[in-house]
């Protein structure tokens, strides 16, 4: 069984047992998280597609890690003007282990 969930402005296809890195969610490691925004549930006879979400469908997971991603460098330059700017960014993320998909 699989589901398509929406969190942090992005969509993820998840199955039970998957570990998914999503945009930062509040909570400590070991905290249970329930996601209500389930866009689609599949894996049975025919997939159930929501309009926009599937009613009474939830995906339950557990936070296994709160961390920050690799550093990316943002470099800006204007030719012949002497303008250069170098900036780094590390995006925060939450790693979720999907425990249960309830349709």
PDB file of N, CA and C in Angstrom:
ATOM      1  N   UNK A   1       0.849  -1.181   0.000  1.00  0.00           N
ATOM      2  CA  UNK A   1       0.000   0.000   0.000  1.00  0.00           C
ATOM      3  C   UNK A   1       0.890   1.239   0.000  1.00  0.00           C
ATOM      4  N   UNK A   2       0.487   2.239  -0.746  1.00  0.00           N
ATOM      5  CA  UNK A   2       1.243   3.481  -0.804  1.00  0.00           C
ATOM      6  C   UNK A   2       0.274   4.654  -0.747  1.00  0.00           C
ATOM      7  N   UNK A   3       0.832   5.829  -0.482  1.00  0.00           N
ATOM      8  CA  UNK A   3       0.032   7.045  -0.415  1.00  0.00           C
ATOM      9  C   UNK A   3       0.856   8.207  -0.937  1.00  0.00           C
ATOM     10  N   UNK A   4       0.166   9.224  -1.415  1.00  0.00           N
ATOM     11  CA  UNK A   4       0.815  10.478  -1.803  1.00  0.00           C
ATOM     12  C   UNK A   4       0.364  11.517  -0.786  1.00  0.00           C
ATOM     13  N   UNK A   5       1.332  12.102  -0.078  1.00  0.00           N
ATOM     14  CA  UNK A   5       1.020  13.071   0.969  1.00  0.00           C
ATOM     15  C   UNK A   5       1.567  14.439   0.569  1.00  0.00           C
ATOM     16  N   UNK A   6       1.020  15.470   1.175  1.00  0.00           N
ATOM     17  CA  UNK A   6       1.490  16.837   0.954  1.00  0.00           C
ATOM     18  C   UNK A   6       1.910  17.414   2.299  1.00  0.00           C
ATOM     19  N   UNK A   7       3.152  17.873   2.360  1.00  0.00           N
ATOM     20  CA  UNK A   7       3.640  18.530   3.558  1.00  0.00           C
ATOM     21  C   UNK A   7       4.773  19.472   3.167  1.00  0.00           C
ATOM     22  N   UNK A   8       4.782  20.644   3.746  1.00  0.00           N
ATOM     23  CA  UNK A   8       5.822  21.615   3.457  1.00  0.00           C
ATOM     24  C   UNK A   8       5.782  22.152   2.038  1.00  0.00           C
ATOM     25  N   UNK A   9       4.610  22.136   1.408  1.00  0.00           N
ATOM     26  CA  UNK A   9       4.486  22.645   0.056  1.00  0.00           C
ATOM     27  C   UNK A   9       4.965  21.687  -1.017  1.00  0.00           C
ATOM     28  N   UNK A  10       5.277  20.450  -0.638  1.00  0.00           N
ATOM     29  CA  UNK A  10       5.745  19.451  -1.586  1.00  0.00           C
ATOM     30  C   UNK A  10       4.909  18.181  -1.442  1.00  0.00           C
ATOM     31  N   UNK A  11       4.986  17.317  -2.451  1.00  0.00           N
ATOM     32  CA  UNK A  11       4.257  16.048  -2.432  1.00  0.00           C
ATOM     33  C   UNK A  11       5.250  14.899  -2.411  1.00  0.00           C
ATOM     34  N   UNK A  12       4.925  13.854  -1.640  1.00  0.00           N
ATOM     35  CA  UNK A  12       5.803  12.704  -1.488  1.00  0.00           C
ATOM     36  C   UNK A  12       4.989  11.428  -1.641  1.00  0.00           C
ATOM     37  N   UNK A  13       5.542  10.443  -2.360  1.00  0.00           N
ATOM     38  CA  UNK A  13       4.936   9.127  -2.450  1.00  0.00           C
ATOM     39  C   UNK A  13       5.599   8.267  -1.382  1.00  0.00           C
ATOM     40  N   UNK A  14       4.802   7.725  -0.454  1.00  0.00           N
ATOM     41  CA  UNK A  14       5.345   6.982   0.676  1.00  0.00           C
ATOM     42  C   UNK A  14       4.675   5.618   0.792  1.00  0.00           C
ATOM     43  N   UNK A  15       5.404   4.677   1.367  1.00  0.00           N
ATOM     44  CA  UNK A  15       4.891   3.355   1.710  1.00  0.00           C
ATOM     45  C   UNK A  15       5.239   3.099   3.166  1.00  0.00           C
ATOM     46  N   UNK A  16       4.640   2.083   3.754  1.00  0.00           N
ATOM     47  CA  UNK A  16       4.945   1.758   5.143  1.00  0.00           C
ATOM     48  C   UNK A  16       6.388   1.287   5.246  1.00  0.00           C
ATOM     49  N   UNK A  17       7.103   1.815   6.235  1.00  0.00           N
ATOM     50  CA  UNK A  17       8.498   1.467   6.444  1.00  0.00           C
ATOM     51  C   UNK A  17       9.484   2.404   5.776  1.00  0.00           C
ATOM     52  N   UNK A  18       9.017   3.291   4.897  1.00  0.00           N
ATOM     53  CA  UNK A  18       9.901   4.242   4.217  1.00  0.00           C
ATOM     54  C   UNK A  18      10.407   5.305   5.187  1.00  0.00           C
ATOM     55  N   UNK A  19      11.595   5.808   4.905  1.00  0.00           N
ATOM     56  CA  UNK A  19      12.118   6.972   5.617  1.00  0.00           C
ATOM     57  C   UNK A  19      12.175   8.109   4.607  1.00  0.00           C
ATOM     58  N   UNK A  20      11.449   9.189   4.896  1.00  0.00           N
ATOM     59  CA  UNK A  20      11.285  10.299   3.968  1.00  0.00           C
ATOM     60  C   UNK A  20      11.825  11.562   4.623  1.00  0.00           C
ATOM     61  N   UNK A  21      12.603  12.341   3.863  1.00  0.00           N
ATOM     62  CA  UNK A  21      13.096  13.633   4.347  1.00  0.00           C
ATOM     63  C   UNK A  21      12.154  14.720   3.864  1.00  0.00           C
ATOM     64  N   UNK A  22      11.441  15.349   4.798  1.00  0.00           N
ATOM     65  CA  UNK A  22      10.463  16.390   4.476  1.00  0.00           C
ATOM     66  C   UNK A  22      10.946  17.711   5.060  1.00  0.00           C
ATOM     67  N   UNK A  23      10.275  18.791   4.680  1.00  0.00           N
ATOM     68  CA  UNK A  23      10.587  20.097   5.260  1.00  0.00           C
ATOM     69  C   UNK A  23      10.398  20.035   6.779  1.00  0.00           C
ATOM     70  N   UNK A  24      11.098  20.873   7.493  1.00  0.00           N
ATOM     71  CA  UNK A  24      11.138  20.811   8.963  1.00  0.00           C
ATOM     72  C   UNK A  24       9.754  20.828   9.592  1.00  0.00           C
ATOM     73  N   UNK A  25       9.528  19.860  10.490  1.00  0.00           N
ATOM     74  CA  UNK A  25       8.308  19.775  11.288  1.00  0.00           C
ATOM     75  C   UNK A  25       8.680  19.961  12.749  1.00  0.00           C
ATOM     76  N   UNK A  26       7.745  20.496  13.534  1.00  0.00           N
ATOM     77  CA  UNK A  26       7.983  20.662  14.964  1.00  0.00           C
ATOM     78  C   UNK A  26       7.943  19.304  15.646  1.00  0.00           C
ATOM     79  N   UNK A  27       8.794  19.134  16.642  1.00  0.00           N
ATOM     80  CA  UNK A  27       8.799  17.907  17.426  1.00  0.00           C
ATOM     81  C   UNK A  27      10.213  17.392  17.603  1.00  0.00           C
ATOM     82  N   UNK A  28      10.370  16.545  18.614  1.00  0.00           N
ATOM     83  CA  UNK A  28      11.661  15.945  18.913  1.00  0.00           C
ATOM     84  C   UNK A  28      11.737  14.554  18.298  1.00  0.00           C
ATOM     85  N   UNK A  29      12.935  13.973  18.334  1.00  0.00           N
ATOM     86  CA  UNK A  29      13.121  12.618  17.822  1.00  0.00           C
ATOM     87  C   UNK A  29      12.279  11.656  18.668  1.00  0.00           C
ATOM     88  N   UNK A  30      11.533  10.787  18.007  1.00  0.00           N
ATOM     89  CA  UNK A  30      10.657   9.847  18.692  1.00  0.00           C
ATOM     90  C   UNK A  30       9.208  10.291  18.757  1.00  0.00           C
ATOM     91  N   UNK A  31       8.929  11.517  18.370  1.00  0.00           N
ATOM     92  CA  UNK A  31       7.568  12.044  18.395  1.00  0.00           C
ATOM     93  C   UNK A  31       6.759  11.460  17.244  1.00  0.00           C
ATOM     94  N   UNK A  32       5.516  11.068  17.525  1.00  0.00           N
ATOM     95  CA  UNK A  32       4.611  10.570  16.493  1.00  0.00           C
ATOM     96  C   UNK A  32       4.002  11.753  15.744  1.00  0.00           C
ATOM     97  N   UNK A  33       3.910  11.628  14.416  1.00  0.00           N
ATOM     98  CA  UNK A  33       3.357  12.672  13.567  1.00  0.00           C
ATOM     99  C   UNK A  33       2.241  12.059  12.737  1.00  0.00           C
ATOM    100  N   UNK A  34       1.111  12.767  12.671  1.00  0.00           N
ATOM    101  CA  UNK A  34      -0.012  12.295  11.859  1.00  0.00           C
ATOM    102  C   UNK A  34      -0.262  13.318  10.757  1.00  0.00           C
ATOM    103  N   UNK A  35      -0.215  12.869   9.510  1.00  0.00           N
ATOM    104  CA  UNK A  35      -0.402  13.755   8.363  1.00  0.00           C
ATOM    105  C   UNK A  35      -1.802  13.520   7.800  1.00  0.00           C
ATOM    106  N   UNK A  36      -2.599  14.589   7.776  1.00  0.00           N
ATOM    107  CA  UNK A  36      -3.977  14.514   7.305  1.00  0.00           C
ATOM    108  C   UNK A  36      -4.099  14.778   5.809  1.00  0.00           C
ATOM    109  N   UNK A  37      -3.122  15.468   5.225  1.00  0.00           N
ATOM    110  CA  UNK A  37      -3.190  15.853   3.819  1.00  0.00           C
ATOM    111  C   UNK A  37      -2.747  14.699   2.928  1.00  0.00           C
ATOM    112  N   UNK A  38      -3.634  13.726   2.742  1.00  0.00           N
ATOM    113  CA  UNK A  38      -3.368  12.564   1.896  1.00  0.00           C
ATOM    114  C   UNK A  38      -4.081  12.802   0.571  1.00  0.00           C
ATOM    115  N   UNK A  39      -3.306  12.912  -0.503  1.00  0.00           N
ATOM    116  CA  UNK A  39      -3.868  13.231  -1.816  1.00  0.00           C
ATOM    117  C   UNK A  39      -4.336  11.994  -2.566  1.00  0.00           C
ATOM    118  N   UNK A  40      -3.702  10.835  -2.294  1.00  0.00           N
ATOM    119  CA  UNK A  40      -4.049   9.616  -3.006  1.00  0.00           C
ATOM    120  C   UNK A  40      -3.616   8.411  -2.186  1.00  0.00           C
ATOM    121  N   UNK A  41      -4.415   7.346  -2.231  1.00  0.00           N
ATOM    122  CA  UNK A  41      -4.073   6.085  -1.587  1.00  0.00           C
ATOM    123  C   UNK A  41      -4.208   4.998  -2.640  1.00  0.00           C
ATOM    124  N   UNK A  42      -3.178   4.177  -2.787  1.00  0.00           N
ATOM    125  CA  UNK A  42      -3.205   3.123  -3.791  1.00  0.00           C
ATOM    126  C   UNK A  42      -2.634   1.838  -3.247  1.00  0.00           C
ATOM    127  N   UNK A  43      -2.637   0.824  -4.112  1.00  0.00           N
ATOM    128  CA  UNK A  43      -2.068  -0.454  -3.717  1.00  0.00           C
ATOM    129  C   UNK A  43      -3.104  -1.550  -3.582  1.00  0.00           C
ATOM    130  N   UNK A  44      -4.354  -1.211  -3.522  1.00  0.00           N
ATOM    131  CA  UNK A  44      -5.416  -2.203  -3.440  1.00  0.00           C
ATOM    132  C   UNK A  44      -5.989  -2.477  -4.813  1.00  0.00           C
ATOM    133  N   UNK A  45      -7.318  -2.522  -4.918  1.00  0.00           N
ATOM    134  CA  UNK A  45      -7.974  -2.770  -6.203  1.00  0.00           C
ATOM    135  C   UNK A  45      -7.728  -1.592  -7.150  1.00  0.00           C
ATOM    136  N   UNK A  46      -8.258  -0.453  -6.786  1.00  0.00           N
ATOM    137  CA  UNK A  46      -8.100   0.749  -7.596  1.00  0.00           C
ATOM    138  C   UNK A  46      -7.656   1.877  -6.673  1.00  0.00           C
ATOM    139  N   UNK A  47      -6.831   2.773  -7.157  1.00  0.00           N
ATOM    140  CA  UNK A  47      -6.388   3.873  -6.293  1.00  0.00           C
ATOM    141  C   UNK A  47      -7.531   4.822  -5.958  1.00  0.00           C
ATOM    142  N   UNK A  48      -7.480   5.372  -4.752  1.00  0.00           N
ATOM    143  CA  UNK A  48      -8.447   6.363  -4.307  1.00  0.00           C
ATOM    144  C   UNK A  48      -7.796   7.731  -4.439  1.00  0.00           C
ATOM    145  N   UNK A  49      -8.386   8.582  -5.251  1.00  0.00           N
ATOM    146  CA  UNK A  49      -7.834   9.907  -5.508  1.00  0.00           C
ATOM    147  C   UNK A  49      -8.739  10.934  -4.847  1.00  0.00           C
ATOM    148  N   UNK A  50      -8.148  11.832  -4.073  1.00  0.00           N
ATOM    149  CA  UNK A  50      -8.914  12.849  -3.373  1.00  0.00           C
ATOM    150  C   UNK A  50      -9.188  14.057  -4.244  1.00  0.00           C
ATOM    151  N   UNK A  51     -10.131  14.853  -3.771  1.00  0.00           N
ATOM    152  CA  UNK A  51     -10.472  16.084  -4.484  1.00  0.00           C
ATOM    153  C   UNK A  51     -10.618  17.214  -3.476  1.00  0.00           C
ATOM    154  N   UNK A  52      -9.626  17.824  -2.941  1.00  0.00           N
ATOM    155  CA  UNK A  52      -8.201  17.615  -3.151  1.00  0.00           C
ATOM    156  C   UNK A  52      -7.586  16.564  -2.231  1.00  0.00           C
ATOM    157  N   UNK A  53      -8.226  16.222  -1.090  1.00  0.00           N
ATOM    158  CA  UNK A  53      -7.651  15.212  -0.198  1.00  0.00           C
ATOM    159  C   UNK A  53      -8.631  14.068  -0.026  1.00  0.00           C
ATOM    160  N   UNK A  54      -8.102  12.911   0.354  1.00  0.00           N
ATOM    161  CA  UNK A  54      -8.923  11.739   0.614  1.00  0.00           C
ATOM    162  C   UNK A  54      -9.486  11.875   2.028  1.00  0.00           C
ATOM    163  N   UNK A  55     -10.805  11.805   2.143  1.00  0.00           N
ATOM    164  CA  UNK A  55     -11.450  11.939   3.452  1.00  0.00           C
ATOM    165  C   UNK A  55     -11.105  10.742   4.342  1.00  0.00           C
ATOM    166  N   UNK A  56     -10.876  11.010   5.623  1.00  0.00           N
ATOM    167  CA  UNK A  56     -10.606  10.014   6.661  1.00  0.00           C
ATOM    168  C   UNK A  56      -9.342   9.202   6.412  1.00  0.00           C
ATOM    169  N   UNK A  57      -8.472   9.655   5.549  1.00  0.00           N
ATOM    170  CA  UNK A  57      -7.197   8.972   5.319  1.00  0.00           C
ATOM    171  C   UNK A  57      -6.103   9.707   6.087  1.00  0.00           C
ATOM    172  N   UNK A  58      -5.259   8.945   6.762  1.00  0.00           N
ATOM    173  CA  UNK A  58      -4.153   9.522   7.515  1.00  0.00           C
ATOM    174  C   UNK A  58      -2.895   8.688   7.300  1.00  0.00           C
ATOM    175  N   UNK A  59      -1.772   9.343   7.418  1.00  0.00           N
ATOM    176  CA  UNK A  59      -0.481   8.664   7.382  1.00  0.00           C
ATOM    177  C   UNK A  59       0.208   8.983   8.696  1.00  0.00           C
ATOM    178  N   UNK A  60       0.595   7.937   9.423  1.00  0.00           N
ATOM    179  CA  UNK A  60       1.235   8.097  10.716  1.00  0.00           C
ATOM    180  C   UNK A  60       2.715   7.774  10.585  1.00  0.00           C
ATOM    181  N   UNK A  61       3.537   8.608  11.175  1.00  0.00           N
ATOM    182  CA  UNK A  61       4.971   8.391  11.125  1.00  0.00           C
ATOM    183  C   UNK A  61       5.630   8.796  12.419  1.00  0.00           C
ATOM    184  N   UNK A  62       6.922   8.539  12.494  1.00  0.00           N
ATOM    185  CA  UNK A  62       7.696   8.876  13.684  1.00  0.00           C
ATOM    186  C   UNK A  62       8.923   9.656  13.245  1.00  0.00           C
ATOM    187  N   UNK A  63       9.238  10.708  13.972  1.00  0.00           N
ATOM    188  CA  UNK A  63      10.415  11.508  13.667  1.00  0.00           C
ATOM    189  C   UNK A  63      11.652  10.723  14.097  1.00  0.00           C
ATOM    190  N   UNK A  64      12.549  10.458  13.136  1.00  0.00           N
ATOM    191  CA  UNK A  64      13.773   9.731  13.454  1.00  0.00           C
ATOM    192  C   UNK A  64      15.002  10.643  13.427  1.00  0.00           C
ATOM    193  N   UNK A  65      14.864  11.834  12.817  1.00  0.00           N
ATOM    194  CA  UNK A  65      16.014  12.736  12.755  1.00  0.00           C
ATOM    195  C   UNK A  65      15.558  14.164  12.478  1.00  0.00           C
ATOM    196  N   UNK A  66      16.173  15.109  13.173  1.00  0.00           N
ATOM    197  CA  UNK A  66      16.011  16.544  12.899  1.00  0.00           C
ATOM    198  C   UNK A  66      17.407  17.049  12.553  1.00  0.00           C
ATOM    199  N   UNK A  67      17.618  17.474  11.325  1.00  0.00           N
ATOM    200  CA  UNK A  67      18.970  17.844  10.922  1.00  0.00           C
ATOM    201  C   UNK A  67      18.921  18.931   9.854  1.00  0.00           C
ATOM    202  N   UNK A  68      20.080  19.263   9.326  1.00  0.00           N
ATOM    203  CA  UNK A  68      20.189  20.238   8.250  1.00  0.00           C
ATOM    204  C   UNK A  68      20.925  19.586   7.089  1.00  0.00           C
ATOM    205  N   UNK A  69      20.541  19.959   5.878  1.00  0.00           N
ATOM    206  CA  UNK A  69      21.122  19.378   4.676  1.00  0.00           C
ATOM    207  C   UNK A  69      22.519  19.898   4.398  1.00  0.00           C
ATOM    208  N   UNK A  70      23.079  19.455   3.274  1.00  0.00           N
ATOM    209  CA  UNK A  70      24.395  19.906   2.857  1.00  0.00           C
ATOM    210  C   UNK A  70      24.350  21.393   2.521  1.00  0.00           C
ATOM    211  N   UNK A  71      25.489  22.046   2.672  1.00  0.00           N
ATOM    212  CA  UNK A  71      25.570  23.471   2.369  1.00  0.00           C
ATOM    213  C   UNK A  71      25.604  23.676   0.851  1.00  0.00           C
ATOM    214  N   UNK A  72      24.788  24.605   0.393  1.00  0.00           N
ATOM    215  CA  UNK A  72      24.870  25.024  -0.999  1.00  0.00           C
ATOM    216  C   UNK A  72      25.400  26.456  -0.999  1.00  0.00           C
ATOM    217  N   UNK A  73      26.134  26.795  -2.047  1.00  0.00           N
ATOM    218  CA  UNK A  73      26.702  28.131  -2.155  1.00  0.00           C
ATOM    219  C   UNK A  73      25.918  28.938  -3.178  1.00  0.00           C
ATOM    220  N   UNK A  74      25.584  30.165  -2.809  1.00  0.00           N
ATOM    221  CA  UNK A  74      24.884  31.086  -3.693  1.00  0.00           C
ATOM    222  C   UNK A  74      25.872  32.204  -4.012  1.00  0.00           C
ATOM    223  N   UNK A  75      26.215  32.358  -5.292  1.00  0.00           N
ATOM    224  CA  UNK A  75      27.200  33.348  -5.702  1.00  0.00           C
ATOM    225  C   UNK A  75      26.556  34.318  -6.673  1.00  0.00           C
ATOM    226  N   UNK A  76      26.663  35.611  -6.369  1.00  0.00           N
ATOM    227  CA  UNK A  76      26.118  36.658  -7.230  1.00  0.00           C
ATOM    228  C   UNK A  76      27.264  37.560  -7.673  1.00  0.00           C
ATOM    229  N   UNK A  77      27.205  38.000  -8.917  1.00  0.00           N
ATOM    230  CA  UNK A  77      28.262  38.851  -9.448  1.00  0.00           C
ATOM    231  C   UNK A  77      27.686  39.731 -10.542  1.00  0.00           C
ATOM    232  N   UNK A  78      28.156  40.970 -10.597  1.00  0.00           N
ATOM    233  CA  UNK A  78      27.806  41.869 -11.694  1.00  0.00           C
ATOM    234  C   UNK A  78      29.105  42.244 -12.405  1.00  0.00           C
ATOM    235  N   UNK A  79      29.131  42.014 -13.680  1.00  0.00           N
ATOM    236  CA  UNK A  79      30.369  42.263 -14.419  1.00  0.00           C
ATOM    237  C   UNK A  79      30.701  43.755 -14.460  1.00  0.00           C
ATOM    238  N   UNK A  80      31.978  44.027 -14.372  1.00  0.00           N
ATOM    239  CA  UNK A  80      32.544  45.392 -14.474  1.00  0.00           C
ATOM    240  C   UNK A  80      32.090  46.337 -13.361  1.00  0.00           C
ATOM    241  N   UNK A  81      31.432  45.890 -12.343  1.00  0.00           N
ATOM    242  CA  UNK A  81      30.966  46.784 -11.279  1.00  0.00           C
ATOM    243  C   UNK A  81      31.647  46.519  -9.943  1.00  0.00           C
ATOM    244  N   UNK A  82      32.416  45.436  -9.854  1.00  0.00           N
ATOM    245  CA  UNK A  82      33.087  45.116  -8.600  1.00  0.00           C
ATOM    246  C   UNK A  82      32.171  44.509  -7.555  1.00  0.00           C
ATOM    247  N   UNK A  83      31.011  44.050  -7.973  1.00  0.00           N
ATOM    248  CA  UNK A  83      30.038  43.476  -7.032  1.00  0.00           C
ATOM    249  C   UNK A  83      30.150  41.963  -7.049  1.00  0.00           C
ATOM    250  N   UNK A  84      30.486  41.392  -5.897  1.00  0.00           N
ATOM    251  CA  UNK A  84      30.514  39.938  -5.732  1.00  0.00           C
ATOM    252  C   UNK A  84      29.948  39.634  -4.348  1.00  0.00           C
ATOM    253  N   UNK A  85      29.150  38.595  -4.286  1.00  0.00           N
ATOM    254  CA  UNK A  85      28.564  38.206  -3.009  1.00  0.00           C
ATOM    255  C   UNK A  85      28.499  36.685  -2.962  1.00  0.00           C
ATOM    256  N   UNK A  86      29.044  36.095  -1.908  1.00  0.00           N
ATOM    257  CA  UNK A  86      29.022  34.652  -1.714  1.00  0.00           C
ATOM    258  C   UNK A  86      28.263  34.357  -0.436  1.00  0.00           C
ATOM    259  N   UNK A  87      27.269  33.518  -0.539  1.00  0.00           N
ATOM    260  CA  UNK A  87      26.415  33.224   0.601  1.00  0.00           C
ATOM    261  C   UNK A  87      26.173  31.724   0.659  1.00  0.00           C
ATOM    262  N   UNK A  88      26.159  31.142   1.847  1.00  0.00           N
ATOM    263  CA  UNK A  88      25.884  29.723   2.033  1.00  0.00           C
ATOM    264  C   UNK A  88      24.510  29.521   2.649  1.00  0.00           C
ATOM    265  N   UNK A  89      23.932  28.348   2.395  1.00  0.00           N
ATOM    266  CA  UNK A  89      22.612  28.031   2.943  1.00  0.00           C
ATOM    267  C   UNK A  89      22.532  26.545   3.264  1.00  0.00           C
ATOM    268  N   UNK A  90      21.981  26.226   4.429  1.00  0.00           N
ATOM    269  CA  UNK A  90      21.717  24.837   4.808  1.00  0.00           C
ATOM    270  C   UNK A  90      20.246  24.729   5.179  1.00  0.00           C
ATOM    271  N   UNK A  91      19.498  23.927   4.429  1.00  0.00           N
ATOM    272  CA  UNK A  91      18.060  23.776   4.659  1.00  0.00           C
ATOM    273  C   UNK A  91      17.802  22.769   5.777  1.00  0.00           C
ATOM    274  N   UNK A  92      16.944  23.123   6.713  1.00  0.00           N
ATOM    275  CA  UNK A  92      16.562  22.200   7.783  1.00  0.00           C
ATOM    276  C   UNK A  92      15.573  21.181   7.249  1.00  0.00           C
ATOM    277  N   UNK A  93      15.663  19.947   7.754  1.00  0.00           N
ATOM    278  CA  UNK A  93      14.728  18.907   7.344  1.00  0.00           C
ATOM    279  C   UNK A  93      14.398  18.003   8.510  1.00  0.00           C
ATOM    280  N   UNK A  94      13.340  17.220   8.345  1.00  0.00           N
ATOM    281  CA  UNK A  94      12.917  16.225   9.310  1.00  0.00           C
ATOM    282  C   UNK A  94      12.839  14.893   8.588  1.00  0.00           C
ATOM    283  N   UNK A  95      13.455  13.867   9.156  1.00  0.00           N
ATOM    284  CA  UNK A  95      13.368  12.529   8.581  1.00  0.00           C
ATOM    285  C   UNK A  95      12.242  11.787   9.289  1.00  0.00           C
ATOM    286  N   UNK A  96      11.255  11.328   8.501  1.00  0.00           N
ATOM    287  CA  UNK A  96      10.102  10.608   9.037  1.00  0.00           C
ATOM    288  C   UNK A  96      10.163   9.148   8.633  1.00  0.00           C
ATOM    289  N   UNK A  97       9.886   8.255   9.576  1.00  0.00           N
ATOM    290  CA  UNK A  97       9.716   6.835   9.257  1.00  0.00           C
ATOM    291  C   UNK A  97       8.221   6.577   9.236  1.00  0.00           C
ATOM    292  N   UNK A  98       7.709   6.180   8.071  1.00  0.00           N
ATOM    293  CA  UNK A  98       6.280   5.969   7.901  1.00  0.00           C
ATOM    294  C   UNK A  98       5.883   4.666   8.577  1.00  0.00           C
ATOM    295  N   UNK A  99       4.974   4.750   9.543  1.00  0.00           N
ATOM    296  CA  UNK A  99       4.576   3.578  10.313  1.00  0.00           C
ATOM    297  C   UNK A  99       3.291   2.946   9.773  1.00  0.00           C
ATOM    298  N   UNK A 100       2.290   3.795   9.432  1.00  0.00           N
ATOM    299  CA  UNK A 100       0.999   3.234   9.066  1.00  0.00           C
ATOM    300  C   UNK A 100       0.292   4.148   8.073  1.00  0.00           C
ATOM    301  N   UNK A 101      -0.361   3.534   7.099  1.00  0.00           N
ATOM    302  CA  UNK A 101      -1.195   4.263   6.153  1.00  0.00           C
ATOM    303  C   UNK A 101      -2.626   3.759   6.365  1.00  0.00           C
ATOM    304  N   UNK A 102      -3.509   4.682   6.769  1.00  0.00           N
ATOM    305  CA  UNK A 102      -4.904   4.312   7.021  1.00  0.00           C
ATOM    306  C   UNK A 102      -5.775   4.986   5.973  1.00  0.00           C
ATOM    307  N   UNK A 103      -6.499   4.179   5.198  1.00  0.00           N
ATOM    308  CA  UNK A 103      -7.333   4.731   4.136  1.00  0.00           C
ATOM    309  C   UNK A 103      -8.762   4.939   4.609  1.00  0.00           C
TER     310      UNK A 103
END
